[in-house]
Amino acid sequence: MSIQEKFIPTGGENVANWPAHDPETRENCLREDLTRRLTTVCADLSGADFEALVHRMIVEQLRGERVMTRVFNHG
């Protein structure tokens, strides 16, 4: 990702500096990103195990984002 492609916060974003999306869109973005990054690293996992790993990581990421929003009173 080039410098020009990186997100630059302008004050209206969520606490993690991502553009505000609906929850389904955010989950889909996370799924695509994690799948892309983990496919080669976790090649020895079965399809079901890989999907379970990606799902658990998405759940934890979204939980962390909600905690940050509550703690810092953003959102």
N, C-alpha and C. Protein backbone atom coordinates (compact mmCIF):
# COMPACT_ATOMS: atom_id res chain seq x y z
N MET A 1 0.85 -1.17 0.00
CA MET A 1 0.00 0.00 0.00
C MET A 1 0.89 1.23 0.00
N SER A 2 0.64 2.11 -0.92
CA SER A 2 1.43 3.32 -1.00
C SER A 2 0.96 4.34 0.03
N ILE A 3 1.76 5.34 0.24
CA ILE A 3 1.40 6.42 1.16
C ILE A 3 0.10 7.06 0.74
N GLN A 4 -0.10 7.25 -0.56
CA GLN A 4 -1.31 7.89 -1.05
C GLN A 4 -2.54 7.04 -0.79
N GLU A 5 -2.39 5.70 -0.72
CA GLU A 5 -3.52 4.82 -0.50
C GLU A 5 -3.88 4.67 0.96
N LYS A 6 -2.95 5.03 1.86
CA LYS A 6 -3.22 4.88 3.28
C LYS A 6 -4.30 5.86 3.71
N PHE A 7 -5.09 5.42 4.67
CA PHE A 7 -6.18 6.24 5.16
C PHE A 7 -5.62 7.34 6.05
N ILE A 8 -6.02 8.56 5.82
CA ILE A 8 -5.60 9.69 6.65
C ILE A 8 -6.82 10.17 7.42
N PRO A 9 -6.78 10.07 8.78
CA PRO A 9 -7.95 10.45 9.56
C PRO A 9 -8.28 11.92 9.42
N THR A 10 -9.56 12.21 9.40
CA THR A 10 -10.01 13.60 9.29
C THR A 10 -10.89 14.01 10.45
N GLY A 11 -11.06 13.11 11.42
CA GLY A 11 -11.84 13.45 12.60
C GLY A 11 -13.21 12.81 12.64
N GLY A 12 -13.75 12.33 11.53
CA GLY A 12 -15.08 11.76 11.52
C GLY A 12 -15.09 10.24 11.49
N GLU A 13 -13.93 9.63 11.66
CA GLU A 13 -13.82 8.18 11.55
C GLU A 13 -13.99 7.53 12.91
N ASN A 14 -14.03 6.19 12.89
CA ASN A 14 -14.11 5.47 14.14
C ASN A 14 -12.75 5.44 14.82
N VAL A 15 -12.69 4.87 16.02
CA VAL A 15 -11.48 4.93 16.84
C VAL A 15 -10.28 4.26 16.17
N ALA A 16 -10.50 3.28 15.32
CA ALA A 16 -9.39 2.57 14.69
C ALA A 16 -8.94 3.25 13.40
N ASN A 17 -9.47 4.43 13.10
CA ASN A 17 -9.11 5.21 11.92
C ASN A 17 -9.50 4.55 10.61
N TRP A 18 -10.56 3.76 10.62
CA TRP A 18 -11.13 3.21 9.40
C TRP A 18 -12.36 4.01 9.06
N PRO A 19 -12.66 4.12 7.79
CA PRO A 19 -13.92 4.78 7.46
C PRO A 19 -15.08 4.02 8.11
N ALA A 20 -16.06 4.75 8.57
CA ALA A 20 -17.20 4.10 9.23
C ALA A 20 -17.99 3.31 8.20
N HIS A 21 -18.16 2.02 8.47
CA HIS A 21 -18.92 1.12 7.60
C HIS A 21 -20.01 0.47 8.43
N ASP A 22 -20.95 -0.07 7.75
CA ASP A 22 -21.93 -0.85 8.48
C ASP A 22 -21.22 -2.14 8.93
N PRO A 23 -21.73 -2.79 9.98
CA PRO A 23 -21.05 -3.97 10.55
C PRO A 23 -20.78 -5.08 9.53
N GLU A 24 -21.71 -5.30 8.63
CA GLU A 24 -21.53 -6.37 7.64
C GLU A 24 -20.38 -6.05 6.69
N THR A 25 -20.29 -4.81 6.27
CA THR A 25 -19.20 -4.39 5.39
C THR A 25 -17.86 -4.51 6.10
N ARG A 26 -17.81 -4.10 7.36
CA ARG A 26 -16.56 -4.19 8.13
C ARG A 26 -16.14 -5.65 8.27
N GLU A 27 -17.09 -6.53 8.57
CA GLU A 27 -16.79 -7.95 8.72
C GLU A 27 -16.26 -8.53 7.39
N ASN A 28 -16.89 -8.16 6.29
CA ASN A 28 -16.44 -8.64 4.98
C ASN A 28 -15.03 -8.15 4.66
N CYS A 29 -14.73 -6.91 4.99
CA CYS A 29 -13.38 -6.37 4.76
C CYS A 29 -12.36 -7.14 5.58
N LEU A 30 -12.69 -7.39 6.83
CA LEU A 30 -11.78 -8.17 7.68
C LEU A 30 -11.58 -9.57 7.12
N ARG A 31 -12.67 -10.21 6.70
CA ARG A 31 -12.59 -11.58 6.16
C ARG A 31 -11.67 -11.62 4.94
N GLU A 32 -11.86 -10.68 4.03
CA GLU A 32 -11.02 -10.64 2.83
C GLU A 32 -9.56 -10.43 3.18
N ASP A 33 -9.28 -9.50 4.08
CA ASP A 33 -7.91 -9.19 4.46
C ASP A 33 -7.25 -10.38 5.17
N LEU A 34 -7.94 -10.96 6.15
CA LEU A 34 -7.37 -12.09 6.87
C LEU A 34 -7.17 -13.30 5.96
N THR A 35 -8.13 -13.56 5.10
CA THR A 35 -8.00 -14.69 4.18
C THR A 35 -6.79 -14.50 3.28
N ARG A 36 -6.63 -13.30 2.76
CA ARG A 36 -5.49 -12.99 1.88
C ARG A 36 -4.17 -13.18 2.63
N ARG A 37 -4.08 -12.67 3.86
CA ARG A 37 -2.82 -12.72 4.60
C ARG A 37 -2.50 -14.09 5.17
N LEU A 38 -3.53 -14.88 5.49
CA LEU A 38 -3.29 -16.16 6.16
C LEU A 38 -3.26 -17.37 5.23
N THR A 39 -3.68 -17.22 4.00
CA THR A 39 -3.80 -18.37 3.10
C THR A 39 -2.48 -19.14 2.98
N THR A 40 -1.38 -18.47 2.74
CA THR A 40 -0.11 -19.18 2.58
C THR A 40 0.46 -19.63 3.92
N VAL A 41 0.26 -18.84 4.96
CA VAL A 41 0.81 -19.17 6.28
C VAL A 41 0.12 -20.39 6.87
N CYS A 42 -1.16 -20.53 6.62
CA CYS A 42 -1.95 -21.62 7.22
C CYS A 42 -2.35 -22.66 6.18
N ALA A 43 -1.50 -22.89 5.21
CA ALA A 43 -1.83 -23.81 4.12
C ALA A 43 -2.06 -25.24 4.61
N ASP A 44 -1.50 -25.60 5.77
CA ASP A 44 -1.66 -26.96 6.28
C ASP A 44 -2.99 -27.19 6.99
N LEU A 45 -3.75 -26.13 7.24
CA LEU A 45 -5.05 -26.28 7.89
C LEU A 45 -6.10 -26.77 6.89
N SER A 46 -7.05 -27.55 7.38
CA SER A 46 -8.18 -27.95 6.53
C SER A 46 -9.03 -26.71 6.26
N GLY A 47 -9.88 -26.81 5.28
CA GLY A 47 -10.76 -25.68 4.95
C GLY A 47 -11.62 -25.26 6.12
N ALA A 48 -12.17 -26.25 6.84
CA ALA A 48 -13.03 -25.94 7.98
C ALA A 48 -12.23 -25.29 9.11
N ASP A 49 -11.03 -25.79 9.35
CA ASP A 49 -10.19 -25.20 10.41
C ASP A 49 -9.76 -23.79 10.04
N PHE A 50 -9.44 -23.58 8.77
CA PHE A 50 -9.04 -22.25 8.31
C PHE A 50 -10.20 -21.27 8.48
N GLU A 51 -11.39 -21.67 8.08
CA GLU A 51 -12.56 -20.80 8.22
C GLU A 51 -12.85 -20.50 9.69
N ALA A 52 -12.68 -21.51 10.56
CA ALA A 52 -12.90 -21.30 11.99
C ALA A 52 -11.88 -20.31 12.55
N LEU A 53 -10.63 -20.41 12.11
CA LEU A 53 -9.60 -19.47 12.55
C LEU A 53 -9.93 -18.05 12.12
N VAL A 54 -10.27 -17.89 10.84
CA VAL A 54 -10.61 -16.57 10.32
C VAL A 54 -11.82 -16.00 11.06
N HIS A 55 -12.83 -16.84 11.29
CA HIS A 55 -14.02 -16.38 12.01
C HIS A 55 -13.66 -15.91 13.42
N ARG A 56 -12.85 -16.69 14.13
CA ARG A 56 -12.47 -16.32 15.51
C ARG A 56 -11.68 -15.01 15.52
N MET A 57 -10.81 -14.84 14.54
CA MET A 57 -10.02 -13.61 14.48
C MET A 57 -10.91 -12.40 14.18
N ILE A 58 -11.92 -12.58 13.34
CA ILE A 58 -12.86 -11.50 13.04
C ILE A 58 -13.64 -11.13 14.30
N VAL A 59 -14.13 -12.13 15.01
CA VAL A 59 -14.89 -11.88 16.24
C VAL A 59 -14.04 -11.08 17.23
N GLU A 60 -12.79 -11.49 17.41
CA GLU A 60 -11.92 -10.80 18.36
C GLU A 60 -11.58 -9.38 17.92
N GLN A 61 -11.36 -9.19 16.62
CA GLN A 61 -11.06 -7.84 16.11
C GLN A 61 -12.25 -6.91 16.32
N LEU A 62 -13.44 -7.38 15.98
CA LEU A 62 -14.64 -6.55 16.16
C LEU A 62 -14.90 -6.27 17.63
N ARG A 63 -14.67 -7.26 18.49
CA ARG A 63 -14.83 -7.06 19.93
C ARG A 63 -13.86 -5.98 20.41
N GLY A 64 -12.62 -6.06 19.97
CA GLY A 64 -11.63 -5.06 20.35
C GLY A 64 -11.99 -3.66 19.88
N GLU A 65 -12.55 -3.57 18.69
CA GLU A 65 -12.97 -2.26 18.18
C GLU A 65 -14.12 -1.70 19.01
N ARG A 66 -15.04 -2.57 19.44
CA ARG A 66 -16.14 -2.10 20.28
C ARG A 66 -15.62 -1.63 21.63
N VAL A 67 -14.65 -2.35 22.20
CA VAL A 67 -14.07 -1.96 23.49
C VAL A 67 -13.39 -0.61 23.36
N MET A 68 -12.62 -0.42 22.30
CA MET A 68 -11.93 0.85 22.10
C MET A 68 -12.93 1.99 21.96
N THR A 69 -14.02 1.73 21.28
CA THR A 69 -15.05 2.75 21.11
C THR A 69 -15.64 3.13 22.46
N ARG A 70 -15.93 2.13 23.30
CA ARG A 70 -16.50 2.41 24.62
C ARG A 70 -15.49 3.13 25.52
N VAL A 71 -14.26 2.64 25.54
CA VAL A 71 -13.23 3.19 26.43
C VAL A 71 -12.95 4.65 26.10
N PHE A 72 -12.81 4.94 24.82
CA PHE A 72 -12.44 6.30 24.43
C PHE A 72 -13.64 7.14 24.01
N ASN A 73 -14.83 6.59 24.21
CA ASN A 73 -16.07 7.33 23.97
C ASN A 73 -16.15 7.88 22.56
N HIS A 74 -15.76 7.07 21.60
CA HIS A 74 -15.87 7.44 20.18
C HIS A 74 -17.04 6.70 19.59
N GLY A 75 -17.46 7.13 18.45
CA GLY A 75 -18.43 6.38 17.69
C GLY A 75 -19.77 6.93 17.76
